[in-house]
């Protein structure tokens, strides 16, 4: 009985920080000092440590990017064990785009989509990048691709459709 309780407590301790990033919040996953990552074992380790659990690194990098800590996210992602993981490529693209390196970001989105053409979050972010460039036509093409893959009610479709609507309103194309 005690072993089961201890196991449950340990699982909660090690998984809870990772789950905090999944919901879009920054939560306890970002409570490590700068340039450190909370690994799956619950300990803060240098972001450059290549032994950090891949899933923990990806979750941490996403939380950093959502917290607008783009350069730190890039450092974390550059040390990911699977550089072809479409999430790694997508979050690299996101962090680069948001830090003003639009063309580089687009390149990473395209690499993510070459790896997984059905990864609608990369399509959404690519569409947002195209809007930043003033390429409504390309953003709308990504919206159609998202619709084909997940319909008109999935979050990626709704978010990009809203961005396109806002773009049209700002540019008198309503």
N, C-alpha and C. Protein backbone atom coordinates (compact mmCIF):
# COMPACT_ATOMS: atom_id res chain seq x y z
N UNK A 1 0.82 -1.20 0.00
CA UNK A 1 0.00 0.00 0.00
C UNK A 1 0.87 1.27 0.00
N UNK A 2 1.87 1.27 0.87
CA UNK A 2 2.74 2.44 0.94
C UNK A 2 3.50 2.59 -0.38
N UNK A 3 3.95 1.46 -0.95
CA UNK A 3 4.66 1.50 -2.22
C UNK A 3 3.81 2.09 -3.33
N UNK A 4 2.51 1.74 -3.34
CA UNK A 4 1.61 2.28 -4.37
C UNK A 4 1.43 3.78 -4.19
N UNK A 5 1.27 4.22 -2.94
CA UNK A 5 1.09 5.65 -2.67
C UNK A 5 2.35 6.42 -3.06
N UNK A 6 3.51 5.85 -2.72
CA UNK A 6 4.76 6.50 -3.07
C UNK A 6 4.93 6.57 -4.58
N UNK A 7 4.58 5.50 -5.28
CA UNK A 7 4.66 5.48 -6.74
C UNK A 7 3.76 6.52 -7.36
N UNK A 8 2.53 6.66 -6.84
CA UNK A 8 1.59 7.66 -7.36
C UNK A 8 2.12 9.07 -7.12
N UNK A 9 2.68 9.29 -5.93
CA UNK A 9 3.22 10.61 -5.61
C UNK A 9 4.39 10.94 -6.51
N UNK A 10 5.27 9.97 -6.73
CA UNK A 10 6.41 10.18 -7.61
C UNK A 10 5.98 10.47 -9.03
N UNK A 11 4.98 9.74 -9.52
CA UNK A 11 4.48 9.96 -10.88
C UNK A 11 3.91 11.36 -11.01
N UNK A 12 3.18 11.80 -9.99
CA UNK A 12 2.61 13.14 -10.01
C UNK A 12 3.71 14.19 -10.03
N UNK A 13 4.76 13.97 -9.21
CA UNK A 13 5.85 14.93 -9.12
C UNK A 13 6.59 15.06 -10.44
N UNK A 14 6.83 13.94 -11.12
CA UNK A 14 7.65 14.00 -12.33
C UNK A 14 6.86 14.36 -13.57
N UNK A 15 5.57 14.04 -13.61
CA UNK A 15 4.77 14.29 -14.80
C UNK A 15 4.07 15.65 -14.74
N UNK A 16 3.69 16.10 -13.58
CA UNK A 16 2.92 17.35 -13.46
C UNK A 16 3.61 18.54 -14.12
N UNK A 17 4.93 18.74 -13.91
CA UNK A 17 5.56 19.87 -14.58
C UNK A 17 5.47 19.79 -16.10
N UNK A 18 5.54 18.59 -16.64
CA UNK A 18 5.46 18.44 -18.08
C UNK A 18 4.06 18.73 -18.58
N UNK A 19 3.06 18.33 -17.81
CA UNK A 19 1.68 18.56 -18.22
C UNK A 19 1.33 20.03 -18.22
N UNK A 20 2.01 20.81 -17.41
CA UNK A 20 1.71 22.24 -17.34
C UNK A 20 1.90 22.91 -18.69
N UNK A 21 2.82 22.42 -19.47
CA UNK A 21 3.08 23.04 -20.78
C UNK A 21 2.03 22.66 -21.80
N UNK A 22 1.39 21.52 -21.62
CA UNK A 22 0.45 21.05 -22.62
C UNK A 22 -0.77 21.92 -22.75
N UNK A 23 -1.16 22.60 -21.69
CA UNK A 23 -2.37 23.40 -21.73
C UNK A 23 -2.15 24.83 -22.14
N UNK A 24 -0.96 25.15 -22.58
CA UNK A 24 -0.71 26.51 -23.05
C UNK A 24 -0.19 27.42 -21.95
N UNK A 25 -0.33 27.02 -20.67
CA UNK A 25 0.18 27.82 -19.58
C UNK A 25 1.66 27.57 -19.40
N UNK A 26 2.31 28.44 -18.65
CA UNK A 26 3.73 28.23 -18.42
C UNK A 26 3.95 27.45 -17.14
N UNK A 27 3.05 27.52 -16.17
CA UNK A 27 3.05 26.67 -14.98
C UNK A 27 4.44 26.42 -14.41
N UNK A 28 4.56 25.37 -13.64
CA UNK A 28 5.81 25.09 -12.95
C UNK A 28 6.93 24.62 -13.86
N UNK A 29 6.64 24.36 -15.12
CA UNK A 29 7.70 23.89 -16.00
C UNK A 29 8.79 24.94 -16.18
N UNK A 30 8.48 26.20 -15.98
CA UNK A 30 9.47 27.26 -16.18
C UNK A 30 10.07 27.75 -14.86
N UNK A 31 10.00 26.93 -13.82
CA UNK A 31 10.52 27.38 -12.54
C UNK A 31 12.01 27.09 -12.36
N UNK A 32 12.65 26.54 -13.36
CA UNK A 32 14.10 26.32 -13.31
C UNK A 32 14.82 27.63 -13.62
N UNK A 33 16.06 27.75 -13.18
CA UNK A 33 16.84 28.94 -13.55
C UNK A 33 16.98 29.04 -15.08
N UNK A 34 17.27 30.25 -15.55
CA UNK A 34 17.45 30.47 -16.98
C UNK A 34 18.47 29.48 -17.54
N UNK A 35 18.18 29.00 -18.76
CA UNK A 35 19.04 28.05 -19.46
C UNK A 35 19.10 26.67 -18.82
N UNK A 36 18.07 26.35 -18.01
CA UNK A 36 17.93 25.01 -17.48
C UNK A 36 16.54 24.48 -17.80
N UNK A 37 16.42 23.16 -17.83
CA UNK A 37 15.17 22.49 -18.17
C UNK A 37 14.83 21.52 -17.06
N UNK A 38 13.55 21.44 -16.72
CA UNK A 38 13.11 20.42 -15.77
C UNK A 38 12.93 19.12 -16.55
N UNK A 39 13.77 18.16 -16.26
CA UNK A 39 13.75 16.87 -16.95
C UNK A 39 12.62 16.01 -16.40
N UNK A 40 12.40 14.87 -17.02
CA UNK A 40 11.33 13.95 -16.62
C UNK A 40 11.52 13.46 -15.19
N UNK A 41 12.75 13.52 -14.67
CA UNK A 41 13.00 13.09 -13.30
C UNK A 41 12.70 14.20 -12.29
N UNK A 42 12.24 15.36 -12.78
CA UNK A 42 11.86 16.47 -11.90
C UNK A 42 12.99 17.40 -11.54
N UNK A 43 14.20 17.14 -12.01
CA UNK A 43 15.36 17.96 -11.67
C UNK A 43 15.67 18.96 -12.78
N UNK A 44 16.11 20.15 -12.37
CA UNK A 44 16.55 21.16 -13.34
C UNK A 44 17.96 20.80 -13.81
N UNK A 45 18.14 20.82 -15.13
CA UNK A 45 19.43 20.47 -15.73
C UNK A 45 19.75 21.50 -16.82
N UNK A 46 21.04 21.68 -17.13
CA UNK A 46 21.39 22.64 -18.19
C UNK A 46 20.68 22.30 -19.50
N UNK A 47 20.18 23.32 -20.17
CA UNK A 47 19.44 23.11 -21.43
C UNK A 47 20.31 22.45 -22.49
N UNK A 48 21.61 22.59 -22.36
CA UNK A 48 22.52 21.99 -23.34
C UNK A 48 22.82 20.52 -23.04
N UNK A 49 22.30 19.99 -21.95
CA UNK A 49 22.51 18.59 -21.58
C UNK A 49 21.76 17.69 -22.57
N UNK A 50 22.50 16.95 -23.36
CA UNK A 50 21.89 16.11 -24.39
C UNK A 50 21.20 14.88 -23.84
N UNK A 51 21.34 14.61 -22.54
CA UNK A 51 20.71 13.44 -21.95
C UNK A 51 19.28 13.73 -21.46
N UNK A 52 18.84 14.97 -21.57
CA UNK A 52 17.48 15.33 -21.12
C UNK A 52 16.46 14.60 -21.97
N UNK A 53 15.44 14.08 -21.31
CA UNK A 53 14.35 13.38 -21.97
C UNK A 53 13.78 14.24 -23.11
N UNK A 54 13.62 13.64 -24.28
CA UNK A 54 13.16 14.36 -25.47
C UNK A 54 11.80 15.01 -25.24
N UNK A 55 10.86 14.27 -24.67
CA UNK A 55 9.51 14.82 -24.45
C UNK A 55 9.55 15.99 -23.47
N UNK A 56 10.37 15.87 -22.43
CA UNK A 56 10.50 16.97 -21.46
C UNK A 56 11.08 18.20 -22.15
N UNK A 57 12.07 17.99 -23.01
CA UNK A 57 12.69 19.11 -23.73
C UNK A 57 11.69 19.81 -24.64
N UNK A 58 10.91 19.02 -25.39
CA UNK A 58 9.93 19.60 -26.32
C UNK A 58 8.88 20.39 -25.54
N UNK A 59 8.38 19.81 -24.45
CA UNK A 59 7.37 20.51 -23.64
C UNK A 59 7.94 21.80 -23.05
N UNK A 60 9.18 21.74 -22.58
CA UNK A 60 9.83 22.90 -22.01
C UNK A 60 10.02 24.00 -23.06
N UNK A 61 10.49 23.60 -24.23
CA UNK A 61 10.72 24.58 -25.31
C UNK A 61 9.42 25.25 -25.72
N UNK A 62 8.34 24.47 -25.79
CA UNK A 62 7.04 25.06 -26.12
C UNK A 62 6.63 26.08 -25.06
N UNK A 63 6.81 25.72 -23.80
CA UNK A 63 6.46 26.65 -22.72
C UNK A 63 7.29 27.92 -22.81
N UNK A 64 8.58 27.78 -23.10
CA UNK A 64 9.44 28.96 -23.27
C UNK A 64 8.95 29.83 -24.42
N UNK A 65 8.64 29.22 -25.54
CA UNK A 65 8.17 29.98 -26.70
C UNK A 65 6.87 30.70 -26.39
N UNK A 66 5.95 30.03 -25.74
CA UNK A 66 4.66 30.65 -25.40
C UNK A 66 4.85 31.78 -24.39
N UNK A 67 5.93 31.71 -23.60
CA UNK A 67 6.25 32.77 -22.64
C UNK A 67 7.10 33.87 -23.29
N UNK A 68 7.25 33.82 -24.61
CA UNK A 68 8.00 34.80 -25.40
C UNK A 68 9.49 34.81 -25.06
N UNK A 69 10.01 33.66 -24.64
CA UNK A 69 11.43 33.48 -24.36
C UNK A 69 12.03 32.68 -25.52
N UNK A 70 11.99 33.31 -26.69
CA UNK A 70 12.29 32.62 -27.94
C UNK A 70 13.73 32.12 -28.04
N UNK A 71 14.69 32.93 -27.64
CA UNK A 71 16.09 32.51 -27.75
C UNK A 71 16.36 31.30 -26.86
N UNK A 72 15.78 31.29 -25.66
CA UNK A 72 15.94 30.14 -24.77
C UNK A 72 15.27 28.90 -25.38
N UNK A 73 14.13 29.09 -26.00
CA UNK A 73 13.44 27.97 -26.66
C UNK A 73 14.32 27.40 -27.76
N UNK A 74 14.96 28.27 -28.52
CA UNK A 74 15.83 27.81 -29.61
C UNK A 74 17.02 27.01 -29.08
N UNK A 75 17.60 27.46 -27.96
CA UNK A 75 18.71 26.72 -27.36
C UNK A 75 18.24 25.33 -26.96
N UNK A 76 17.10 25.27 -26.30
CA UNK A 76 16.56 23.97 -25.87
C UNK A 76 16.30 23.06 -27.08
N UNK A 77 15.70 23.61 -28.11
CA UNK A 77 15.36 22.81 -29.29
C UNK A 77 16.58 22.37 -30.08
N UNK A 78 17.60 23.20 -30.11
CA UNK A 78 18.83 22.84 -30.83
C UNK A 78 19.51 21.61 -30.25
N UNK A 79 19.18 21.28 -29.00
CA UNK A 79 19.78 20.11 -28.35
C UNK A 79 18.80 18.94 -28.26
N UNK A 80 17.68 19.02 -28.95
CA UNK A 80 16.72 17.91 -28.94
C UNK A 80 17.35 16.69 -29.59
N UNK A 81 17.04 15.52 -29.06
CA UNK A 81 17.65 14.29 -29.59
C UNK A 81 17.13 13.92 -30.97
N UNK A 82 15.90 14.33 -31.29
CA UNK A 82 15.33 14.02 -32.61
C UNK A 82 15.08 15.33 -33.35
N UNK A 83 16.05 15.72 -34.15
CA UNK A 83 15.95 16.98 -34.89
C UNK A 83 14.97 16.90 -36.05
N UNK A 84 14.43 15.72 -36.34
CA UNK A 84 13.41 15.57 -37.38
C UNK A 84 12.01 15.45 -36.81
N UNK A 85 11.87 15.57 -35.50
CA UNK A 85 10.55 15.55 -34.87
C UNK A 85 9.80 16.78 -35.39
N UNK A 86 8.62 16.60 -35.99
CA UNK A 86 7.92 17.76 -36.55
C UNK A 86 7.58 18.82 -35.51
N UNK A 87 7.41 18.42 -34.25
CA UNK A 87 7.16 19.41 -33.19
C UNK A 87 8.39 20.27 -32.97
N UNK A 88 9.56 19.65 -32.96
CA UNK A 88 10.81 20.40 -32.80
C UNK A 88 10.95 21.39 -33.94
N UNK A 89 10.74 20.93 -35.16
CA UNK A 89 10.85 21.81 -36.33
C UNK A 89 9.82 22.93 -36.27
N UNK A 90 8.60 22.61 -35.88
CA UNK A 90 7.54 23.61 -35.79
C UNK A 90 7.84 24.66 -34.73
N UNK A 91 8.28 24.22 -33.55
CA UNK A 91 8.57 25.18 -32.48
C UNK A 91 9.82 26.00 -32.79
N UNK A 92 10.75 25.41 -33.56
CA UNK A 92 11.89 26.21 -34.04
C UNK A 92 11.35 27.32 -34.95
N UNK A 93 10.47 26.93 -35.88
CA UNK A 93 9.87 27.91 -36.78
C UNK A 93 9.13 28.99 -36.04
N UNK A 94 8.35 28.59 -35.05
CA UNK A 94 7.57 29.54 -34.25
C UNK A 94 8.50 30.52 -33.54
N UNK A 95 9.52 29.99 -32.87
CA UNK A 95 10.44 30.85 -32.11
C UNK A 95 11.22 31.78 -33.03
N UNK A 96 11.63 31.28 -34.18
CA UNK A 96 12.34 32.13 -35.14
C UNK A 96 11.42 33.22 -35.68
N UNK A 97 10.21 32.84 -36.08
CA UNK A 97 9.26 33.82 -36.63
C UNK A 97 8.95 34.90 -35.60
N UNK A 98 8.67 34.48 -34.38
CA UNK A 98 8.28 35.45 -33.34
C UNK A 98 9.45 36.34 -32.92
N UNK A 99 10.68 35.87 -33.15
CA UNK A 99 11.83 36.71 -32.81
C UNK A 99 12.29 37.55 -34.00
N UNK A 100 11.47 37.58 -35.07
CA UNK A 100 11.75 38.45 -36.21
C UNK A 100 12.49 37.79 -37.35
N UNK A 101 12.77 36.51 -37.26
CA UNK A 101 13.50 35.81 -38.32
C UNK A 101 12.50 35.01 -39.15
N UNK A 102 11.65 35.75 -39.85
CA UNK A 102 10.50 35.20 -40.56
C UNK A 102 10.88 34.15 -41.60
N UNK A 103 11.82 34.46 -42.46
CA UNK A 103 12.19 33.52 -43.52
C UNK A 103 12.74 32.20 -42.96
N UNK A 104 13.57 32.31 -41.93
CA UNK A 104 14.09 31.09 -41.29
C UNK A 104 12.95 30.28 -40.68
N UNK A 105 12.02 30.98 -40.04
CA UNK A 105 10.88 30.31 -39.43
C UNK A 105 10.06 29.55 -40.45
N UNK A 106 9.81 30.18 -41.58
CA UNK A 106 9.03 29.53 -42.65
C UNK A 106 9.75 28.27 -43.13
N UNK A 107 11.06 28.33 -43.22
CA UNK A 107 11.83 27.15 -43.62
C UNK A 107 11.61 25.98 -42.67
N UNK A 108 11.55 26.28 -41.38
CA UNK A 108 11.32 25.21 -40.40
C UNK A 108 9.89 24.68 -40.47
N UNK A 109 8.92 25.56 -40.69
CA UNK A 109 7.55 25.06 -40.86
C UNK A 109 7.46 24.11 -42.05
N UNK A 110 8.13 24.48 -43.13
CA UNK A 110 8.10 23.62 -44.33
C UNK A 110 8.78 22.29 -44.06
N UNK A 111 9.85 22.30 -43.29
CA UNK A 111 10.51 21.03 -42.93
C UNK A 111 9.60 20.18 -42.06
N UNK A 112 8.88 20.82 -41.13
CA UNK A 112 7.94 20.07 -40.28
C UNK A 112 6.87 19.42 -41.13
N UNK A 113 6.37 20.16 -42.11
CA UNK A 113 5.30 19.63 -42.98
C UNK A 113 5.83 18.58 -43.95
N UNK A 114 7.09 18.67 -44.33
CA UNK A 114 7.67 17.62 -45.16
C UNK A 114 7.75 16.31 -44.38
N UNK A 115 7.96 16.42 -43.08
CA UNK A 115 8.02 15.25 -42.21
C UNK A 115 6.63 14.71 -41.92
N UNK A 116 5.68 15.63 -41.67
CA UNK A 116 4.30 15.23 -41.36
C UNK A 116 3.33 16.22 -42.00
N UNK A 117 2.86 15.94 -43.21
CA UNK A 117 1.96 16.86 -43.92
C UNK A 117 0.63 17.10 -43.20
N UNK A 118 0.28 16.23 -42.26
CA UNK A 118 -0.98 16.37 -41.53
C UNK A 118 -0.83 17.16 -40.23
N UNK A 119 0.34 17.70 -39.97
CA UNK A 119 0.58 18.45 -38.73
C UNK A 119 -0.03 19.84 -38.87
N UNK A 120 -1.29 19.95 -38.47
CA UNK A 120 -2.06 21.17 -38.74
C UNK A 120 -1.56 22.38 -37.95
N UNK A 121 -0.93 22.17 -36.80
CA UNK A 121 -0.40 23.31 -36.06
C UNK A 121 0.71 24.00 -36.86
N UNK A 122 1.53 23.22 -37.54
CA UNK A 122 2.57 23.82 -38.39
C UNK A 122 1.92 24.57 -39.55
N UNK A 123 0.83 24.04 -40.08
CA UNK A 123 0.11 24.73 -41.16
C UNK A 123 -0.49 26.04 -40.66
N UNK A 124 -1.04 26.01 -39.45
CA UNK A 124 -1.59 27.25 -38.88
C UNK A 124 -0.49 28.31 -38.74
N UNK A 125 0.63 27.93 -38.14
CA UNK A 125 1.72 28.88 -37.94
C UNK A 125 2.31 29.35 -39.26
N UNK A 126 2.38 28.46 -40.24
CA UNK A 126 2.86 28.86 -41.57
C UNK A 126 1.90 29.88 -42.18
N UNK A 127 0.60 29.66 -42.02
CA UNK A 127 -0.39 30.62 -42.50
C UNK A 127 -0.23 31.97 -41.83
N UNK A 128 0.04 31.96 -40.52
CA UNK A 128 0.27 33.22 -39.80
C UNK A 128 1.51 33.93 -40.35
N UNK A 129 2.54 33.16 -40.64
CA UNK A 129 3.76 33.75 -41.21
C UNK A 129 3.47 34.38 -42.56
N UNK A 130 2.67 33.69 -43.37
CA UNK A 130 2.31 34.25 -44.68
C UNK A 130 1.53 35.55 -44.53
N UNK A 131 0.67 35.63 -43.54
CA UNK A 131 -0.06 36.89 -43.31
C UNK A 131 0.91 38.00 -42.93
N UNK A 132 1.91 37.68 -42.13
CA UNK A 132 2.92 38.67 -41.75
C UNK A 132 3.63 39.21 -42.99
N UNK A 133 3.80 38.35 -43.99
CA UNK A 133 4.44 38.74 -45.25
C UNK A 133 3.47 39.44 -46.20
N UNK A 134 2.18 39.49 -45.84
CA UNK A 134 1.19 40.08 -46.73
C UNK A 134 0.70 39.11 -47.80
N UNK A 135 0.93 37.83 -47.62
CA UNK A 135 0.55 36.82 -48.61
C UNK A 135 -0.75 36.12 -48.17
N UNK A 136 -1.85 36.84 -48.30
CA UNK A 136 -3.16 36.31 -47.95
C UNK A 136 -3.46 35.04 -48.74
N UNK A 137 -3.08 35.02 -50.01
CA UNK A 137 -3.35 33.85 -50.86
C UNK A 137 -2.71 32.58 -50.29
N UNK A 138 -1.48 32.69 -49.82
CA UNK A 138 -0.80 31.52 -49.26
C UNK A 138 -1.39 31.12 -47.91
N UNK A 139 -1.79 32.12 -47.11
CA UNK A 139 -2.44 31.82 -45.83
C UNK A 139 -3.75 31.09 -46.06
N UNK A 140 -4.51 31.55 -47.05
CA UNK A 140 -5.79 30.89 -47.36
C UNK A 140 -5.56 29.47 -47.89
N UNK A 141 -4.48 29.26 -48.61
CA UNK A 141 -4.16 27.90 -49.09
C UNK A 141 -3.87 26.98 -47.90
N UNK A 142 -3.17 27.49 -46.89
CA UNK A 142 -2.92 26.68 -45.69
C UNK A 142 -4.22 26.41 -44.94
N UNK A 143 -5.12 27.40 -44.91
CA UNK A 143 -6.41 27.20 -44.25
C UNK A 143 -7.18 26.07 -44.93
N UNK A 144 -7.14 26.03 -46.25
CA UNK A 144 -7.81 24.95 -46.99
C UNK A 144 -7.18 23.59 -46.68
N UNK A 145 -5.87 23.57 -46.57
CA UNK A 145 -5.17 22.32 -46.21
C UNK A 145 -5.58 21.85 -44.81
N UNK A 146 -5.70 22.80 -43.89
CA UNK A 146 -6.13 22.45 -42.54
C UNK A 146 -7.55 21.90 -42.57
N UNK A 147 -8.43 22.56 -43.32
CA UNK A 147 -9.81 22.10 -43.44
C UNK A 147 -9.87 20.66 -43.97
N UNK A 148 -9.06 20.37 -44.96
CA UNK A 148 -9.02 19.02 -45.54
C UNK A 148 -8.63 17.99 -44.48
N UNK A 149 -7.74 18.38 -43.57
CA UNK A 149 -7.20 17.43 -42.60
C UNK A 149 -8.02 17.32 -41.32
N UNK A 150 -8.65 18.39 -40.89
CA UNK A 150 -9.35 18.30 -39.60
C UNK A 150 -10.69 19.03 -39.58
N UNK A 151 -11.14 19.51 -40.72
CA UNK A 151 -12.45 20.16 -40.77
C UNK A 151 -12.39 21.62 -40.36
N UNK A 152 -13.58 22.19 -40.20
CA UNK A 152 -13.67 23.63 -39.89
C UNK A 152 -13.90 23.90 -38.41
N UNK A 153 -13.87 22.86 -37.59
CA UNK A 153 -14.11 23.07 -36.16
C UNK A 153 -12.88 22.80 -35.31
N UNK A 154 -11.78 22.37 -35.92
CA UNK A 154 -10.57 22.13 -35.12
C UNK A 154 -9.92 23.48 -34.77
N UNK A 155 -9.14 23.47 -33.71
CA UNK A 155 -8.55 24.71 -33.20
C UNK A 155 -7.64 25.39 -34.23
N UNK A 156 -6.85 24.62 -34.95
CA UNK A 156 -5.93 25.20 -35.94
C UNK A 156 -6.71 25.94 -37.02
N UNK A 157 -7.81 25.35 -37.48
CA UNK A 157 -8.64 26.00 -38.50
C UNK A 157 -9.25 27.28 -37.94
N UNK A 158 -9.86 27.18 -36.77
CA UNK A 158 -10.53 28.35 -36.18
C UNK A 158 -9.55 29.49 -35.93
N UNK A 159 -8.36 29.17 -35.43
CA UNK A 159 -7.37 30.22 -35.14
C UNK A 159 -6.89 30.91 -36.42
N UNK A 160 -6.55 30.13 -37.44
CA UNK A 160 -6.06 30.74 -38.68
C UNK A 160 -7.19 31.49 -39.39
N UNK A 161 -8.40 30.95 -39.37
CA UNK A 161 -9.54 31.65 -39.98
C UNK A 161 -9.75 33.00 -39.32
N UNK A 162 -9.61 33.05 -38.00
CA UNK A 162 -9.75 34.32 -37.27
C UNK A 162 -8.63 35.28 -37.64
N UNK A 163 -7.42 34.78 -37.76
CA UNK A 163 -6.29 35.63 -38.16
C UNK A 163 -6.51 36.19 -39.57
N UNK A 164 -7.03 35.37 -40.47
CA UNK A 164 -7.31 35.82 -41.84
C UNK A 164 -8.41 36.88 -41.83
N UNK A 165 -9.43 36.65 -41.03
CA UNK A 165 -10.53 37.62 -40.91
C UNK A 165 -9.98 38.96 -40.40
N UNK A 166 -9.15 38.91 -39.37
CA UNK A 166 -8.54 40.13 -38.82
C UNK A 166 -7.65 40.81 -39.86
N UNK A 167 -6.89 40.04 -40.60
CA UNK A 167 -6.02 40.57 -41.64
C UNK A 167 -6.85 41.31 -42.69
N UNK A 168 -7.93 40.67 -43.13
CA UNK A 168 -8.80 41.29 -44.13
C UNK A 168 -9.38 42.61 -43.61
N UNK A 169 -9.81 42.63 -42.36
CA UNK A 169 -10.40 43.84 -41.77
C UNK A 169 -9.35 44.96 -41.69
N UNK A 170 -8.14 44.63 -41.29
CA UNK A 170 -7.06 45.63 -41.18
C UNK A 170 -6.65 46.18 -42.53
N UNK A 171 -6.81 45.38 -43.56
CA UNK A 171 -6.35 45.76 -44.90
C UNK A 171 -7.48 46.11 -45.85
N UNK A 172 -8.67 46.37 -45.30
CA UNK A 172 -9.81 46.78 -46.12
C UNK A 172 -10.26 45.75 -47.12
N UNK A 173 -10.09 44.47 -46.77
CA UNK A 173 -10.49 43.39 -47.68
C UNK A 173 -11.66 42.60 -47.10
N UNK A 174 -12.36 43.22 -46.14
CA UNK A 174 -13.42 42.56 -45.39
C UNK A 174 -14.55 42.07 -46.15
